[in-house]
Amino acid sequence: MAKVYDHAKHSYRFGFRMLTLGWSDGSTFLPVNSILLSSENEKNRINEAAHLDKRTVGYKRRQLSMTKGTQAMLELLKTAKSVSIPAKHVLFDSWFSSPSTLHAVKKIGYDVIGMVKKTPKMFFRYNGTDMSLPSIYKQSKKRRGRSRYLLSVIVEVIKDEESIPAKVVYVRNKNKRNEYLCIISTDITLDEDEIIRIYGKR
């Protein structure tokens, strides 16, 4: 057990965070694996077991629970891939959508469709220049009318000098009409409407 932050209540609580990996065909959701996340910070953990048999599965799960959520997510995906769960795309929100995570999921063998933060601190290579998503949006010509999306661009996701192509779709924020959201897909064969449709199933 650990002191963990509850993003819904905006306060700290004692307990665990649950990370669940599920499979979906668009209408059905089947949980296939999960992990209870404690805390990687030893000071936040309470009532730790003094002795554990390192040969057991329980020990391995306990060690995994004390890693970062992004690393735990990758381990769940590796397990799913090892047992040949049929899936083409991994969907997740902006909490997981960093260049390093996109590269890691791609190496496991899945494409990603996810929301990505509009932060000036995260860069993608666009037309040979490393730029933030807000900067790309600001300098690009937007679509007019009632289109489902405002802008679509192909970028390169760079990590340790390795590059993978991705498509970023800028969509209107239904809750705040003057703002936009960004969806990124490492499967650039999908058109914009399909990317929006698939992500909407998350």
Protein backbone atom coordinates (compact mmCIF):
# COMPACT_ATOMS: atom_id res chain seq x y z
CA MET A 1 0.00 0.00 0.00
CA ALA A 2 1.14 3.53 -0.66
CA LYS A 3 0.20 7.18 -0.55
CA VAL A 4 -1.05 7.79 -4.10
CA TYR A 5 -2.58 10.77 -5.85
CA ASP A 6 -6.26 10.50 -6.79
CA HIS A 7 -6.68 12.50 -10.01
CA ALA A 8 -10.48 12.43 -9.69
CA LYS A 9 -10.56 13.80 -6.13
CA HIS A 10 -7.38 15.89 -6.54
CA SER A 11 -5.99 14.64 -3.25
CA TYR A 12 -3.67 11.97 -1.85
CA ARG A 13 -5.11 8.71 -0.51
CA PHE A 14 -3.76 5.47 0.88
CA GLY A 15 -4.23 2.57 -1.49
CA PHE A 16 -3.24 1.51 -5.01
CA ARG A 17 -3.73 2.75 -8.56
CA MET A 18 -5.08 0.13 -10.92
CA LEU A 19 -3.74 -0.09 -14.47
CA THR A 20 -5.84 -2.30 -16.75
CA LEU A 21 -5.08 -3.54 -20.26
CA GLY A 22 -8.16 -4.47 -22.22
CA TRP A 23 -9.07 -5.73 -25.68
CA SER A 24 -11.97 -4.21 -27.62
CA ASP A 25 -13.65 -4.70 -30.97
CA GLY A 26 -15.37 -1.33 -30.67
CA SER A 27 -18.48 -2.57 -28.87
CA THR A 28 -17.12 -5.04 -26.32
CA PHE A 29 -14.38 -4.46 -23.76
CA LEU A 30 -12.54 -7.44 -22.27
CA PRO A 31 -9.93 -6.89 -19.52
CA VAL A 32 -6.94 -9.11 -20.32
CA ASN A 33 -4.39 -8.05 -17.69
CA SER A 34 -3.98 -5.56 -14.87
CA ILE A 35 -1.54 -4.43 -12.21
CA LEU A 36 -2.01 -2.65 -8.89
CA LEU A 37 0.48 0.21 -8.82
CA SER A 38 2.03 1.23 -5.53
CA SER A 39 4.72 3.93 -5.58
CA GLU A 40 8.29 4.04 -6.83
CA ASN A 41 9.03 6.41 -3.94
CA GLU A 42 9.95 4.29 -0.92
CA LYS A 43 8.88 7.08 1.47
CA ASN A 44 5.29 6.83 0.19
CA ARG A 45 5.00 3.07 0.72
CA ILE A 46 3.65 1.62 3.98
CA ASN A 47 3.51 -1.86 5.54
CA GLU A 48 6.07 -3.38 3.19
CA ALA A 49 6.73 -7.11 3.52
CA ALA A 50 10.07 -7.79 5.18
CA HIS A 51 10.91 -10.97 3.29
CA LEU A 52 9.78 -12.22 -0.11
CA ASP A 53 10.78 -15.27 -2.12
CA LYS A 54 12.34 -13.78 -5.25
CA ARG A 55 11.56 -16.94 -7.21
CA THR A 56 7.80 -16.39 -7.09
CA VAL A 57 5.47 -14.68 -9.55
CA GLY A 58 4.18 -12.63 -6.63
CA TYR A 59 7.61 -11.10 -6.11
CA LYS A 60 7.84 -10.14 -9.78
CA ARG A 61 4.38 -8.55 -9.68
CA ARG A 62 5.32 -6.67 -6.52
CA GLN A 63 8.47 -5.32 -8.17
CA LEU A 64 6.43 -4.27 -11.20
CA SER A 65 3.95 -2.45 -8.96
CA MET A 66 6.75 -0.20 -7.73
CA THR A 67 7.82 0.95 -11.19
CA LYS A 68 6.53 3.93 -13.15
CA GLY A 69 3.10 3.55 -14.71
CA THR A 70 4.56 3.87 -18.21
CA GLN A 71 6.98 1.00 -17.59
CA ALA A 72 4.22 -1.17 -16.10
CA MET A 73 2.09 -0.47 -19.17
CA LEU A 74 4.86 -1.67 -21.47
CA GLU A 75 5.22 -4.90 -19.48
CA LEU A 76 1.48 -5.55 -19.82
CA LEU A 77 1.76 -5.04 -23.58
CA LYS A 78 4.77 -7.38 -23.83
CA THR A 79 2.80 -10.08 -22.03
CA ALA A 80 -0.18 -9.59 -24.36
CA LYS A 81 2.10 -9.83 -27.39
CA SER A 82 3.77 -13.00 -26.07
CA VAL A 83 0.42 -14.81 -25.89
CA SER A 84 -0.64 -13.54 -29.34
CA ILE A 85 -3.65 -11.48 -28.32
CA PRO A 86 -4.90 -10.14 -31.69
CA ALA A 87 -4.63 -6.36 -31.80
CA LYS A 88 -3.28 -3.73 -34.19
CA HIS A 89 -3.54 -0.52 -32.20
CA VAL A 90 -2.98 0.52 -28.60
CA LEU A 91 -5.19 3.37 -27.42
CA PHE A 92 -4.30 5.57 -24.48
CA ASP A 93 -4.62 9.11 -23.19
CA SER A 94 -2.04 11.87 -23.05
CA TRP A 95 -0.52 10.58 -19.80
CA PHE A 96 1.30 7.88 -21.80
CA SER A 97 1.89 9.76 -25.06
CA SER A 98 5.56 10.67 -25.02
CA PRO A 99 8.10 10.04 -27.81
CA SER A 100 9.87 7.38 -25.72
CA THR A 101 6.60 5.50 -25.09
CA LEU A 102 5.56 5.68 -28.75
CA HIS A 103 8.90 4.17 -29.77
CA ALA A 104 8.70 1.48 -27.09
CA VAL A 105 5.18 0.37 -28.07
CA LYS A 106 6.16 0.33 -31.75
CA LYS A 107 9.11 -1.95 -30.94
CA ILE A 108 6.77 -4.36 -29.13
CA GLY A 109 4.79 -4.64 -32.35
CA TYR A 110 1.77 -2.39 -31.97
CA ASP A 111 0.79 0.95 -33.44
CA VAL A 112 -0.42 3.72 -31.14
CA ILE A 113 -3.44 5.99 -31.37
CA GLY A 114 -3.48 8.38 -28.46
CA MET A 115 -4.23 11.83 -27.19
CA VAL A 116 -1.07 13.92 -26.88
CA LYS A 117 -0.45 16.98 -24.73
CA LYS A 118 -0.20 20.43 -26.32
CA THR A 119 2.95 21.28 -24.42
CA PRO A 120 5.73 23.57 -25.67
CA LYS A 121 8.24 21.20 -24.05
CA MET A 122 7.55 18.18 -26.31
CA PHE A 123 8.95 18.30 -29.84
CA PHE A 124 8.25 16.48 -33.09
CA ARG A 125 10.16 16.88 -36.33
CA TYR A 126 8.05 18.68 -38.92
CA ASN A 127 9.47 19.64 -42.33
CA GLY A 128 12.98 19.05 -40.98
CA THR A 129 12.55 21.24 -37.90
CA ASP A 130 11.90 20.16 -34.30
CA MET A 131 8.69 21.89 -33.25
CA SER A 132 6.03 21.67 -30.56
CA LEU A 133 2.46 20.81 -31.55
CA PRO A 134 1.18 24.33 -30.73
CA SER A 135 3.91 25.81 -32.96
CA ILE A 136 2.99 23.51 -35.84
CA TYR A 137 -0.66 24.48 -35.45
CA LYS A 138 0.12 28.18 -35.33
CA GLN A 139 2.07 28.21 -38.60
CA SER A 140 -0.17 25.84 -40.59
CA LYS A 141 -3.25 26.53 -42.67
CA LYS A 142 -6.39 25.13 -41.05
CA ARG A 143 -9.40 23.52 -42.70
CA ARG A 144 -12.50 25.67 -43.02
CA GLY A 145 -16.13 24.86 -42.47
CA ARG A 146 -17.58 22.10 -40.33
CA SER A 147 -14.83 19.54 -40.85
CA ARG A 148 -14.35 16.99 -38.05
CA TYR A 149 -10.75 18.09 -37.77
CA LEU A 150 -8.90 21.38 -38.11
CA LEU A 151 -5.50 20.21 -39.29
CA SER A 152 -3.60 17.01 -40.10
CA VAL A 153 0.19 16.76 -40.41
CA ILE A 154 2.81 14.04 -40.77
CA VAL A 155 5.64 14.34 -38.25
CA GLU A 156 8.66 12.31 -37.18
CA VAL A 157 8.84 11.05 -33.60
CA ILE A 158 12.49 11.22 -32.56
CA LYS A 159 14.05 9.22 -29.73
CA ASP A 160 17.82 8.65 -29.43
CA GLU A 161 18.28 9.61 -33.09
CA GLU A 162 15.73 6.97 -34.16
CA SER A 163 12.71 8.18 -36.08
CA ILE A 164 9.22 6.81 -36.68
CA PRO A 165 6.55 8.58 -38.78
CA ALA A 166 3.28 9.60 -37.17
CA LYS A 167 0.14 11.48 -38.12
CA VAL A 168 -1.14 14.21 -35.81
CA VAL A 169 -4.80 15.19 -36.15
CA TYR A 170 -5.96 18.43 -34.55
CA VAL A 171 -9.64 18.20 -33.60
CA ARG A 172 -12.07 20.68 -32.06
CA ASN A 173 -12.59 20.43 -28.32
CA LYS A 174 -16.33 19.82 -27.96
CA ASN A 175 -16.30 21.21 -24.42
CA LYS A 176 -14.38 24.36 -25.37
CA ARG A 177 -15.05 25.33 -28.96
CA ASN A 178 -12.19 27.82 -29.10
CA GLU A 179 -9.63 25.14 -28.21
CA TYR A 180 -8.33 22.03 -29.94
CA LEU A 181 -7.11 18.55 -29.00
CA CYS A 182 -4.33 16.52 -30.64
CA ILE A 183 -4.55 12.84 -31.54
CA ILE A 184 -1.40 11.07 -32.71
CA SER A 185 -1.25 7.83 -34.70
CA THR A 186 1.86 5.85 -35.58
CA ASP A 187 -0.24 4.08 -38.23
CA ILE A 188 -0.08 6.71 -40.95
CA THR A 189 -2.07 4.55 -43.39
CA LEU A 190 -5.26 5.48 -41.51
CA ASP A 191 -7.15 8.54 -42.68
CA GLU A 192 -8.11 11.29 -40.26
CA ASP A 193 -11.74 10.23 -39.82
CA GLU A 194 -10.68 6.67 -39.03
CA ILE A 195 -8.13 7.85 -36.45
CA ILE A 196 -10.84 9.95 -34.76
CA ARG A 197 -13.33 7.06 -34.91
CA ILE A 198 -10.94 4.49 -33.44
CA TYR A 199 -9.76 6.79 -30.66
CA GLY A 200 -13.40 7.51 -29.81
CA LYS A 201 -13.76 3.83 -28.81
CA ARG A 202 -11.25 4.24 -25.97
